[in-house]
Amino acid sequence: MILTTTPSVEGRTIADYKGIVFGEVISGVNFLKDFASSIRDIIGGRSNTYEKELVSARENALNELSQRAAQMGADAVVGIDIDYEVLGQGNGMLMVTASGTAVKLA
């Protein structure tokens, strides 16, 4: 499956548009991650715990998008956009949404 943020795949022709496809992941952040992150806020530096959670959520959203596109008979997804939101009481949930257009290439 070819995944790209561009509206086309260089050197390939889009033969059929299968439709808009999404991949969504909502990930909770637990107490220990919050605690470790709060220490980083005080002393400075990057929060590796949150960064790993963000990378994992993004990869899972793209994998879900890819699987849904394959179910539609697509072999590529173009125009991918990735959005991030925080949800829940105290912003304790991270939502990552990937969307794009599933296409069949010639």
PDB file of N, CA and C in Angstrom:
ATOM      1  N   MET A   1       0.847  -1.173   0.000  1.00  0.00           N
ATOM      2  CA  MET A   1       0.000   0.000   0.000  1.00  0.00           C
ATOM      3  C   MET A   1       0.893   1.237   0.000  1.00  0.00           C
ATOM      4  N   ILE A   2       0.696   2.101  -0.962  1.00  0.00           N
ATOM      5  CA  ILE A   2       1.431   3.358  -1.035  1.00  0.00           C
ATOM      6  C   ILE A   2       0.633   4.395  -0.248  1.00  0.00           C
ATOM      7  N   LEU A   3       1.283   5.050   0.697  1.00  0.00           N
ATOM      8  CA  LEU A   3       0.663   6.110   1.486  1.00  0.00           C
ATOM      9  C   LEU A   3       1.431   7.393   1.226  1.00  0.00           C
ATOM     10  N   THR A   4       0.711   8.458   0.853  1.00  0.00           N
ATOM     11  CA  THR A   4       1.388   9.718   0.548  1.00  0.00           C
ATOM     12  C   THR A   4       0.506  10.913   0.897  1.00  0.00           C
ATOM     13  N   THR A   5       1.169  11.996   1.268  1.00  0.00           N
ATOM     14  CA  THR A   5       0.442  13.234   1.542  1.00  0.00           C
ATOM     15  C   THR A   5       0.180  14.033   0.269  1.00  0.00           C
ATOM     16  N   THR A   6       0.805  13.645  -0.819  1.00  0.00           N
ATOM     17  CA  THR A   6       0.636  14.340  -2.090  1.00  0.00           C
ATOM     18  C   THR A   6      -0.670  13.902  -2.762  1.00  0.00           C
ATOM     19  N   PRO A   7      -1.183  14.691  -3.706  1.00  0.00           N
ATOM     20  CA  PRO A   7      -2.452  14.347  -4.355  1.00  0.00           C
ATOM     21  C   PRO A   7      -2.328  13.274  -5.436  1.00  0.00           C
ATOM     22  N   SER A   8      -1.117  12.831  -5.698  1.00  0.00           N
ATOM     23  CA  SER A   8      -0.902  11.805  -6.723  1.00  0.00           C
ATOM     24  C   SER A   8       0.348  11.004  -6.364  1.00  0.00           C
ATOM     25  N   VAL A   9       0.572   9.935  -7.125  1.00  0.00           N
ATOM     26  CA  VAL A   9       1.776   9.124  -6.947  1.00  0.00           C
ATOM     27  C   VAL A   9       2.640   9.354  -8.182  1.00  0.00           C
ATOM     28  N   GLU A  10       3.817   9.908  -7.980  1.00  0.00           N
ATOM     29  CA  GLU A  10       4.687  10.248  -9.100  1.00  0.00           C
ATOM     30  C   GLU A  10       4.949   9.034  -9.988  1.00  0.00           C
ATOM     31  N   GLY A  11       4.753   9.232 -11.293  1.00  0.00           N
ATOM     32  CA  GLY A  11       5.009   8.179 -12.271  1.00  0.00           C
ATOM     33  C   GLY A  11       3.873   7.177 -12.419  1.00  0.00           C
ATOM     34  N   ARG A  12       2.786   7.366 -11.670  1.00  0.00           N
ATOM     35  CA  ARG A  12       1.650   6.449 -11.723  1.00  0.00           C
ATOM     36  C   ARG A  12       0.392   7.238 -12.031  1.00  0.00           C
ATOM     37  N   THR A  13      -0.562   6.588 -12.656  1.00  0.00           N
ATOM     38  CA  THR A  13      -1.843   7.201 -12.987  1.00  0.00           C
ATOM     39  C   THR A  13      -2.919   6.625 -12.078  1.00  0.00           C
ATOM     40  N   ILE A  14      -3.762   7.489 -11.555  1.00  0.00           N
ATOM     41  CA  ILE A  14      -4.885   7.025 -10.746  1.00  0.00           C
ATOM     42  C   ILE A  14      -5.972   6.544 -11.693  1.00  0.00           C
ATOM     43  N   ALA A  15      -6.327   5.277 -11.598  1.00  0.00           N
ATOM     44  CA  ALA A  15      -7.319   4.672 -12.475  1.00  0.00           C
ATOM     45  C   ALA A  15      -8.726   4.768 -11.888  1.00  0.00           C
ATOM     46  N   ASP A  16      -8.830   4.755 -10.540  1.00  0.00           N
ATOM     47  CA  ASP A  16     -10.145   4.750  -9.908  1.00  0.00           C
ATOM     48  C   ASP A  16     -10.043   5.321  -8.506  1.00  0.00           C
ATOM     49  N   TYR A  17     -11.005   6.162  -8.165  1.00  0.00           N
ATOM     50  CA  TYR A  17     -11.098   6.699  -6.816  1.00  0.00           C
ATOM     51  C   TYR A  17     -12.079   5.838  -6.034  1.00  0.00           C
ATOM     52  N   LYS A  18     -11.595   5.227  -4.948  1.00  0.00           N
ATOM     53  CA  LYS A  18     -12.424   4.312  -4.160  1.00  0.00           C
ATOM     54  C   LYS A  18     -13.206   5.026  -3.068  1.00  0.00           C
ATOM     55  N   GLY A  19     -12.736   6.176  -2.636  1.00  0.00           N
ATOM     56  CA  GLY A  19     -13.439   6.939  -1.608  1.00  0.00           C
ATOM     57  C   GLY A  19     -12.513   7.411  -0.510  1.00  0.00           C
ATOM     58  N   ILE A  20     -13.102   8.183   0.385  1.00  0.00           N
ATOM     59  CA  ILE A  20     -12.352   8.710   1.522  1.00  0.00           C
ATOM     60  C   ILE A  20     -12.212   7.600   2.548  1.00  0.00           C
ATOM     61  N   VAL A  21     -11.036   7.529   3.143  1.00  0.00           N
ATOM     62  CA  VAL A  21     -10.744   6.490   4.120  1.00  0.00           C
ATOM     63  C   VAL A  21     -10.132   7.135   5.362  1.00  0.00           C
ATOM     64  N   PHE A  22     -10.428   6.546   6.524  1.00  0.00           N
ATOM     65  CA  PHE A  22      -9.965   7.083   7.800  1.00  0.00           C
ATOM     66  C   PHE A  22      -9.294   6.005   8.631  1.00  0.00           C
ATOM     67  N   GLY A  23      -8.422   6.428   9.498  1.00  0.00           N
ATOM     68  CA  GLY A  23      -7.865   5.587  10.558  1.00  0.00           C
ATOM     69  C   GLY A  23      -7.854   6.428  11.814  1.00  0.00           C
ATOM     70  N   GLU A  24      -8.498   5.933  12.863  1.00  0.00           N
ATOM     71  CA  GLU A  24      -8.584   6.692  14.110  1.00  0.00           C
ATOM     72  C   GLU A  24      -8.046   5.859  15.264  1.00  0.00           C
ATOM     73  N   VAL A  25      -7.330   6.524  16.144  1.00  0.00           N
ATOM     74  CA  VAL A  25      -6.811   5.878  17.347  1.00  0.00           C
ATOM     75  C   VAL A  25      -7.026   6.839  18.510  1.00  0.00           C
ATOM     76  N   ILE A  26      -7.588   6.311  19.588  1.00  0.00           N
ATOM     77  CA  ILE A  26      -7.697   7.081  20.825  1.00  0.00           C
ATOM     78  C   ILE A  26      -6.882   6.334  21.870  1.00  0.00           C
ATOM     79  N   SER A  27      -5.933   7.037  22.435  1.00  0.00           N
ATOM     80  CA  SER A  27      -4.996   6.422  23.367  1.00  0.00           C
ATOM     81  C   SER A  27      -5.064   7.137  24.703  1.00  0.00           C
ATOM     82  N   GLY A  28      -5.212   6.362  25.771  1.00  0.00           N
ATOM     83  CA  GLY A  28      -5.215   6.938  27.107  1.00  0.00           C
ATOM     84  C   GLY A  28      -3.800   7.069  27.627  1.00  0.00           C
ATOM     85  N   VAL A  29      -3.596   8.064  28.438  1.00  0.00           N
ATOM     86  CA  VAL A  29      -2.294   8.273  29.057  1.00  0.00           C
ATOM     87  C   VAL A  29      -2.467   7.977  30.545  1.00  0.00           C
ATOM     88  N   ASN A  30      -1.673   7.073  31.061  1.00  0.00           N
ATOM     89  CA  ASN A  30      -1.874   6.659  32.444  1.00  0.00           C
ATOM     90  C   ASN A  30      -1.124   7.522  33.450  1.00  0.00           C
ATOM     91  N   PHE A  31      -1.372   7.256  34.708  1.00  0.00           N
ATOM     92  CA  PHE A  31      -0.809   8.046  35.797  1.00  0.00           C
ATOM     93  C   PHE A  31       0.713   8.097  35.771  1.00  0.00           C
ATOM     94  N   LEU A  32       1.363   6.961  35.548  1.00  0.00           N
ATOM     95  CA  LEU A  32       2.827   6.941  35.565  1.00  0.00           C
ATOM     96  C   LEU A  32       3.412   7.799  34.441  1.00  0.00           C
ATOM     97  N   LYS A  33       2.782   7.759  33.263  1.00  0.00           N
ATOM     98  CA  LYS A  33       3.260   8.593  32.165  1.00  0.00           C
ATOM     99  C   LYS A  33       3.080  10.066  32.506  1.00  0.00           C
ATOM    100  N   ASP A  34       1.917  10.416  33.108  1.00  0.00           N
ATOM    101  CA  ASP A  34       1.673  11.800  33.509  1.00  0.00           C
ATOM    102  C   ASP A  34       2.712  12.254  34.525  1.00  0.00           C
ATOM    103  N   PHE A  35       3.018  11.396  35.486  1.00  0.00           N
ATOM    104  CA  PHE A  35       3.980  11.734  36.531  1.00  0.00           C
ATOM    105  C   PHE A  35       5.368  11.974  35.934  1.00  0.00           C
ATOM    106  N   ALA A  36       5.801  11.058  35.067  1.00  0.00           N
ATOM    107  CA  ALA A  36       7.117  11.201  34.434  1.00  0.00           C
ATOM    108  C   ALA A  36       7.175  12.467  33.591  1.00  0.00           C
ATOM    109  N   SER A  37       6.095  12.750  32.904  1.00  0.00           N
ATOM    110  CA  SER A  37       6.056  13.943  32.060  1.00  0.00           C
ATOM    111  C   SER A  37       6.087  15.212  32.907  1.00  0.00           C
ATOM    112  N   SER A  38       5.391  15.208  34.045  1.00  0.00           N
ATOM    113  CA  SER A  38       5.374  16.402  34.893  1.00  0.00           C
ATOM    114  C   SER A  38       6.767  16.707  35.441  1.00  0.00           C
ATOM    115  N   ILE A  39       7.552  15.671  35.712  1.00  0.00           N
ATOM    116  CA  ILE A  39       8.930  15.882  36.157  1.00  0.00           C
ATOM    117  C   ILE A  39       9.730  16.545  35.044  1.00  0.00           C
ATOM    118  N   ARG A  40       9.532  16.083  33.791  1.00  0.00           N
ATOM    119  CA  ARG A  40      10.228  16.695  32.654  1.00  0.00           C
ATOM    120  C   ARG A  40       9.828  18.159  32.498  1.00  0.00           C
ATOM    121  N   ASP A  41       8.538  18.480  32.774  1.00  0.00           N
ATOM    122  CA  ASP A  41       8.086  19.866  32.688  1.00  0.00           C
ATOM    123  C   ASP A  41       8.846  20.747  33.676  1.00  0.00           C
ATOM    124  N   ILE A  42       9.134  20.202  34.848  1.00  0.00           N
ATOM    125  CA  ILE A  42       9.815  20.984  35.890  1.00  0.00           C
ATOM    126  C   ILE A  42      11.291  21.156  35.569  1.00  0.00           C
ATOM    127  N   ILE A  43      11.968  20.069  35.195  1.00  0.00           N
ATOM    128  CA  ILE A  43      13.423  20.139  34.989  1.00  0.00           C
ATOM    129  C   ILE A  43      13.812  20.426  33.541  1.00  0.00           C
ATOM    130  N   GLY A  44      12.847  20.370  32.653  1.00  0.00           N
ATOM    131  CA  GLY A  44      13.118  20.640  31.247  1.00  0.00           C
ATOM    132  C   GLY A  44      13.470  19.379  30.488  1.00  0.00           C
ATOM    133  N   GLY A  45      13.476  19.478  29.182  1.00  0.00           N
ATOM    134  CA  GLY A  45      13.815  18.335  28.338  1.00  0.00           C
ATOM    135  C   GLY A  45      12.590  17.758  27.655  1.00  0.00           C
ATOM    136  N   ARG A  46      12.839  16.765  26.854  1.00  0.00           N
ATOM    137  CA  ARG A  46      11.779  16.129  26.072  1.00  0.00           C
ATOM    138  C   ARG A  46      11.132  15.008  26.873  1.00  0.00           C
ATOM    139  N   SER A  47       9.860  14.803  26.617  1.00  0.00           N
ATOM    140  CA  SER A  47       9.135  13.725  27.282  1.00  0.00           C
ATOM    141  C   SER A  47       9.128  12.514  26.361  1.00  0.00           C
ATOM    142  N   ASN A  48      10.094  11.620  26.542  1.00  0.00           N
ATOM    143  CA  ASN A  48      10.178  10.430  25.706  1.00  0.00           C
ATOM    144  C   ASN A  48       8.941   9.551  25.833  1.00  0.00           C
ATOM    145  N   THR A  49       8.341   9.517  27.008  1.00  0.00           N
ATOM    146  CA  THR A  49       7.156   8.698  27.220  1.00  0.00           C
ATOM    147  C   THR A  49       6.017   9.159  26.321  1.00  0.00           C
ATOM    148  N   TYR A  50       5.743  10.453  26.324  1.00  0.00           N
ATOM    149  CA  TYR A  50       4.671  10.981  25.479  1.00  0.00           C
ATOM    150  C   TYR A  50       5.032  10.893  24.003  1.00  0.00           C
ATOM    151  N   GLU A  51       6.299  11.117  23.671  1.00  0.00           N
ATOM    152  CA  GLU A  51       6.711  11.014  22.273  1.00  0.00           C
ATOM    153  C   GLU A  51       6.495   9.599  21.744  1.00  0.00           C
ATOM    154  N   LYS A  52       6.833   8.594  22.544  1.00  0.00           N
ATOM    155  CA  LYS A  52       6.614   7.206  22.132  1.00  0.00           C
ATOM    156  C   LYS A  52       5.128   6.917  21.954  1.00  0.00           C
ATOM    157  N   GLU A  53       4.309   7.447  22.841  1.00  0.00           N
ATOM    158  CA  GLU A  53       2.849   7.259  22.746  1.00  0.00           C
ATOM    159  C   GLU A  53       2.314   7.914  21.472  1.00  0.00           C
ATOM    160  N   LEU A  54       2.818   9.096  21.159  1.00  0.00           N
ATOM    161  CA  LEU A  54       2.393   9.816  19.961  1.00  0.00           C
ATOM    162  C   LEU A  54       2.799   9.066  18.696  1.00  0.00           C
ATOM    163  N   VAL A  55       4.029   8.579  18.641  1.00  0.00           N
ATOM    164  CA  VAL A  55       4.504   7.812  17.486  1.00  0.00           C
ATOM    165  C   VAL A  55       3.675   6.550  17.311  1.00  0.00           C
ATOM    166  N   SER A  56       3.418   5.862  18.405  1.00  0.00           N
ATOM    167  CA  SER A  56       2.622   4.633  18.343  1.00  0.00           C
ATOM    168  C   SER A  56       1.212   4.907  17.842  1.00  0.00           C
ATOM    169  N   ALA A  57       0.579   5.951  18.360  1.00  0.00           N
ATOM    170  CA  ALA A  57      -0.778   6.296  17.941  1.00  0.00           C
ATOM    171  C   ALA A  57      -0.812   6.660  16.456  1.00  0.00           C
ATOM    172  N   ARG A  58       0.171   7.414  15.994  1.00  0.00           N
ATOM    173  CA  ARG A  58       0.213   7.800  14.576  1.00  0.00           C
ATOM    174  C   ARG A  58       0.412   6.581  13.682  1.00  0.00           C
ATOM    175  N   GLU A  59       1.337   5.690  14.055  1.00  0.00           N
ATOM    176  CA  GLU A  59       1.565   4.479  13.260  1.00  0.00           C
ATOM    177  C   GLU A  59       0.319   3.593  13.226  1.00  0.00           C
ATOM    178  N   ASN A  60      -0.362   3.470  14.364  1.00  0.00           N
ATOM    179  CA  ASN A  60      -1.581   2.664  14.408  1.00  0.00           C
ATOM    180  C   ASN A  60      -2.690   3.271  13.552  1.00  0.00           C
ATOM    181  N   ALA A  61      -2.815   4.596  13.555  1.00  0.00           N
ATOM    182  CA  ALA A  61      -3.825   5.256  12.729  1.00  0.00           C
ATOM    183  C   ALA A  61      -3.533   5.032  11.241  1.00  0.00           C
ATOM    184  N   LEU A  62      -2.263   5.124  10.846  1.00  0.00           N
ATOM    185  CA  LEU A  62      -1.899   4.886   9.445  1.00  0.00           C
ATOM    186  C   LEU A  62      -2.095   3.421   9.051  1.00  0.00           C
ATOM    187  N   ASN A  63      -1.803   2.499   9.972  1.00  0.00           N
ATOM    188  CA  ASN A  63      -2.043   1.082   9.688  1.00  0.00           C
ATOM    189  C   ASN A  63      -3.527   0.806   9.500  1.00  0.00           C
ATOM    190  N   GLU A  64      -4.357   1.397  10.339  1.00  0.00           N
ATOM    191  CA  GLU A  64      -5.809   1.233  10.213  1.00  0.00           C
ATOM    192  C   GLU A  64      -6.306   1.819   8.895  1.00  0.00           C
ATOM    193  N   LEU A  65      -5.812   2.994   8.536  1.00  0.00           N
ATOM    194  CA  LEU A  65      -6.166   3.631   7.266  1.00  0.00           C
ATOM    195  C   LEU A  65      -5.794   2.724   6.104  1.00  0.00           C
ATOM    196  N   SER A  66      -4.601   2.156   6.146  1.00  0.00           N
ATOM    197  CA  SER A  66      -4.123   1.265   5.091  1.00  0.00           C
ATOM    198  C   SER A  66      -5.002   0.019   4.969  1.00  0.00           C
ATOM    199  N   GLN A  67      -5.363  -0.579   6.106  1.00  0.00           N
ATOM    200  CA  GLN A  67      -6.214  -1.774   6.088  1.00  0.00           C
ATOM    201  C   GLN A  67      -7.586  -1.471   5.518  1.00  0.00           C
ATOM    202  N   ARG A  68      -8.154  -0.334   5.887  1.00  0.00           N
ATOM    203  CA  ARG A  68      -9.479   0.039   5.371  1.00  0.00           C
ATOM    204  C   ARG A  68      -9.429   0.319   3.871  1.00  0.00           C
ATOM    205  N   ALA A  69      -8.334   0.929   3.415  1.00  0.00           N
ATOM    206  CA  ALA A  69      -8.182   1.181   1.984  1.00  0.00           C
ATOM    207  C   ALA A  69      -8.063  -0.139   1.219  1.00  0.00           C
ATOM    208  N   ALA A  70      -7.320  -1.096   1.766  1.00  0.00           N
ATOM    209  CA  ALA A  70      -7.177  -2.404   1.120  1.00  0.00           C
ATOM    210  C   ALA A  70      -8.527  -3.107   1.018  1.00  0.00           C
ATOM    211  N   GLN A  71      -9.361  -2.975   2.045  1.00  0.00           N
ATOM    212  CA  GLN A  71     -10.693  -3.577   2.015  1.00  0.00           C
ATOM    213  C   GLN A  71     -11.565  -2.970   0.922  1.00  0.00           C
ATOM    214  N   MET A  72     -11.259  -1.738   0.526  1.00  0.00           N
ATOM    215  CA  MET A  72     -12.005  -1.072  -0.543  1.00  0.00           C
ATOM    216  C   MET A  72     -11.445  -1.428  -1.919  1.00  0.00           C
ATOM    217  N   GLY A  73     -10.351  -2.184  -1.966  1.00  0.00           N
ATOM    218  CA  GLY A  73      -9.732  -2.550  -3.229  1.00  0.00           C
ATOM    219  C   GLY A  73      -8.701  -1.558  -3.719  1.00  0.00           C
ATOM    220  N   ALA A  74      -8.242  -0.678  -2.847  1.00  0.00           N
ATOM    221  CA  ALA A  74      -7.252   0.337  -3.226  1.00  0.00           C
ATOM    222  C   ALA A  74      -5.841  -0.223  -3.089  1.00  0.00           C
ATOM    223  N   ASP A  75      -4.917   0.386  -3.823  1.00  0.00           N
ATOM    224  CA  ASP A  75      -3.513   0.037  -3.647  1.00  0.00           C
ATOM    225  C   ASP A  75      -2.666   1.254  -3.270  1.00  0.00           C
ATOM    226  N   ALA A  76      -3.357   2.381  -3.011  1.00  0.00           N
ATOM    227  CA  ALA A  76      -2.681   3.588  -2.549  1.00  0.00           C
ATOM    228  C   ALA A  76      -3.688   4.490  -1.847  1.00  0.00           C
ATOM    229  N   VAL A  77      -3.166   5.346  -0.982  1.00  0.00           N
ATOM    230  CA  VAL A  77      -3.975   6.395  -0.362  1.00  0.00           C
ATOM    231  C   VAL A  77      -3.230   7.699  -0.581  1.00  0.00           C
ATOM    232  N   VAL A  78      -3.892   8.657  -1.223  1.00  0.00           N
ATOM    233  CA  VAL A  78      -3.272   9.948  -1.535  1.00  0.00           C
ATOM    234  C   VAL A  78      -3.903  11.045  -0.688  1.00  0.00           C
ATOM    235  N   GLY A  79      -3.193  12.158  -0.592  1.00  0.00           N
ATOM    236  CA  GLY A  79      -3.715  13.321   0.128  1.00  0.00           C
ATOM    237  C   GLY A  79      -3.905  13.073   1.607  1.00  0.00           C
ATOM    238  N   ILE A  80      -3.033  12.285   2.214  1.00  0.00           N
ATOM    239  CA  ILE A  80      -3.199  11.945   3.627  1.00  0.00           C
ATOM    240  C   ILE A  80      -2.970  13.175   4.507  1.00  0.00           C
ATOM    241  N   ASP A  81      -3.865  13.310   5.479  1.00  0.00           N
ATOM    242  CA  ASP A  81      -3.769  14.367   6.482  1.00  0.00           C
ATOM    243  C   ASP A  81      -3.840  13.694   7.845  1.00  0.00           C
ATOM    244  N   ILE A  82      -3.001  14.122   8.763  1.00  0.00           N
ATOM    245  CA  ILE A  82      -2.997  13.559  10.110  1.00  0.00           C
ATOM    246  C   ILE A  82      -3.324  14.678  11.088  1.00  0.00           C
ATOM    247  N   ASP A  83      -4.323  14.425  11.934  1.00  0.00           N
ATOM    248  CA  ASP A  83      -4.746  15.403  12.933  1.00  0.00           C
ATOM    249  C   ASP A  83      -4.574  14.821  14.331  1.00  0.00           C
ATOM    250  N   TYR A  84      -4.262  15.689  15.283  1.00  0.00           N
ATOM    251  CA  TYR A  84      -4.056  15.304  16.672  1.00  0.00           C
ATOM    252  C   TYR A  84      -4.990  16.139  17.541  1.00  0.00           C
ATOM    253  N   GLU A  85      -5.624  15.505  18.513  1.00  0.00           N
ATOM    254  CA  GLU A  85      -6.501  16.198  19.462  1.00  0.00           C
ATOM    255  C   GLU A  85      -6.318  15.576  20.834  1.00  0.00           C
ATOM    256  N   VAL A  86      -6.571  16.348  21.862  1.00  0.00           N
ATOM    257  CA  VAL A  86      -6.632  15.805  23.214  1.00  0.00           C
ATOM    258  C   VAL A  86      -8.088  15.815  23.647  1.00  0.00           C
ATOM    259  N   LEU A  87      -8.487  14.765  24.350  1.00  0.00           N
ATOM    260  CA  LEU A  87      -9.876  14.585  24.746  1.00  0.00           C
ATOM    261  C   LEU A  87      -9.957  14.202  26.207  1.00  0.00           C
ATOM    262  N   GLY A  88     -11.181  14.190  26.711  1.00  0.00           N
ATOM    263  CA  GLY A  88     -11.445  13.658  28.036  1.00  0.00           C
ATOM    264  C   GLY A  88     -11.198  14.642  29.150  1.00  0.00           C
ATOM    265  N   GLN A  89     -11.617  14.204  30.327  1.00  0.00           N
ATOM    266  CA  GLN A  89     -11.437  15.009  31.519  1.00  0.00           C
ATOM    267  C   GLN A  89      -9.949  15.188  31.787  1.00  0.00           C
ATOM    268  N   GLY A  90      -9.523  16.400  31.902  1.00  0.00           N
ATOM    269  CA  GLY A  90      -8.108  16.682  32.144  1.00  0.00           C
ATOM    270  C   GLY A  90      -7.235  16.412  30.934  1.00  0.00           C
ATOM    271  N   ASN A  91      -7.829  16.321  29.755  1.00  0.00           N
ATOM    272  CA  ASN A  91      -7.088  16.067  28.517  1.00  0.00           C
ATOM    273  C   ASN A  91      -6.237  14.807  28.614  1.00  0.00           C
ATOM    274  N   GLY A  92      -6.773  13.748  29.206  1.00  0.00           N
ATOM    275  CA  GLY A  92      -6.026  12.524  29.428  1.00  0.00           C
ATOM    276  C   GLY A  92      -6.043  11.540  28.283  1.00  0.00           C
ATOM    277  N   MET A  93      -6.675  11.899  27.163  1.00  0.00           N
ATOM    278  CA  MET A  93      -6.751  11.002  26.012  1.00  0.00           C
ATOM    279  C   MET A  93      -6.176  11.715  24.793  1.00  0.00           C
ATOM    280  N   LEU A  94      -5.463  10.968  23.981  1.00  0.00           N
ATOM    281  CA  LEU A  94      -4.896  11.490  22.741  1.00  0.00           C
ATOM    282  C   LEU A  94      -5.614  10.824  21.576  1.00  0.00           C
ATOM    283  N   MET A  95      -6.144  11.618  20.666  1.00  0.00           N
ATOM    284  CA  MET A  95      -6.793  11.097  19.474  1.00  0.00           C
ATOM    285  C   MET A  95      -5.962  11.479  18.254  1.00  0.00           C
ATOM    286  N   VAL A  96      -5.631  10.473  17.446  1.00  0.00           N
ATOM    287  CA  VAL A  96      -4.921  10.707  16.202  1.00  0.00           C
ATOM    288  C   VAL A  96      -5.821  10.189  15.079  1.00  0.00           C
ATOM    289  N   THR A  97      -6.082  11.057  14.103  1.00  0.00           N
ATOM    290  CA  THR A  97      -6.913  10.696  12.959  1.00  0.00           C
ATOM    291  C   THR A  97      -6.117  10.888  11.683  1.00  0.00           C
ATOM    292  N   ALA A  98      -6.083   9.848  10.866  1.00  0.00           N
ATOM    293  CA  ALA A  98      -5.449   9.921   9.543  1.00  0.00           C
ATOM    294  C   ALA A  98      -6.552   9.772   8.511  1.00  0.00           C
ATOM    295  N   SER A  99      -6.576  10.642   7.520  1.00  0.00           N
ATOM    296  CA  SER A  99      -7.582  10.539   6.462  1.00  0.00           C
ATOM    297  C   SER A  99      -6.922  10.783   5.111  1.00  0.00           C
ATOM    298  N   GLY A 100      -7.527  10.227   4.080  1.00  0.00           N
ATOM    299  CA  GLY A 100      -7.022  10.405   2.725  1.00  0.00           C
ATOM    300  C   GLY A 100      -7.995   9.808   1.731  1.00  0.00           C
ATOM    301  N   THR A 101      -7.599   9.780   0.488  1.00  0.00           N
ATOM    302  CA  THR A 101      -8.419   9.223  -0.578  1.00  0.00           C
ATOM    303  C   THR A 101      -7.819   7.906  -1.048  1.00  0.00           C
ATOM    304  N   ALA A 102      -8.605   6.844  -0.918  1.00  0.00           N
ATOM    305  CA  ALA A 102      -8.179   5.518  -1.375  1.00  0.00           C
ATOM    306  C   ALA A 102      -8.324   5.471  -2.886  1.00  0.00           C
ATOM    307  N   VAL A 103      -7.272   5.020  -3.580  1.00  0.00           N
ATOM    308  CA  VAL A 103      -7.288   4.979  -5.044  1.00  0.00           C
ATOM    309  C   VAL A 103      -6.719   3.663  -5.555  1.00  0.00           C
ATOM    310  N   LYS A 104      -7.105   3.339  -6.780  1.00  0.00           N
ATOM    311  CA  LYS A 104      -6.525   2.208  -7.496  1.00  0.00           C
ATOM    312  C   LYS A 104      -5.634   2.803  -8.578  1.00  0.00           C
ATOM    313  N   LEU A 105      -4.383   2.359  -8.612  1.00  0.00           N
ATOM    314  CA  LEU A 105      -3.434   2.868  -9.601  1.00  0.00           C
ATOM    315  C   LEU A 105      -3.454   2.011 -10.853  1.00  0.00           C
ATOM    316  N   ALA A 106      -3.182   2.670 -12.000  1.00  0.00           N
ATOM    317  CA  ALA A 106      -3.117   1.949 -13.266  1.00  0.00           C
ATOM    318  C   ALA A 106      -1.804   1.211 -13.376  1.00  0.00           C
TER     319      ALA A 106
END
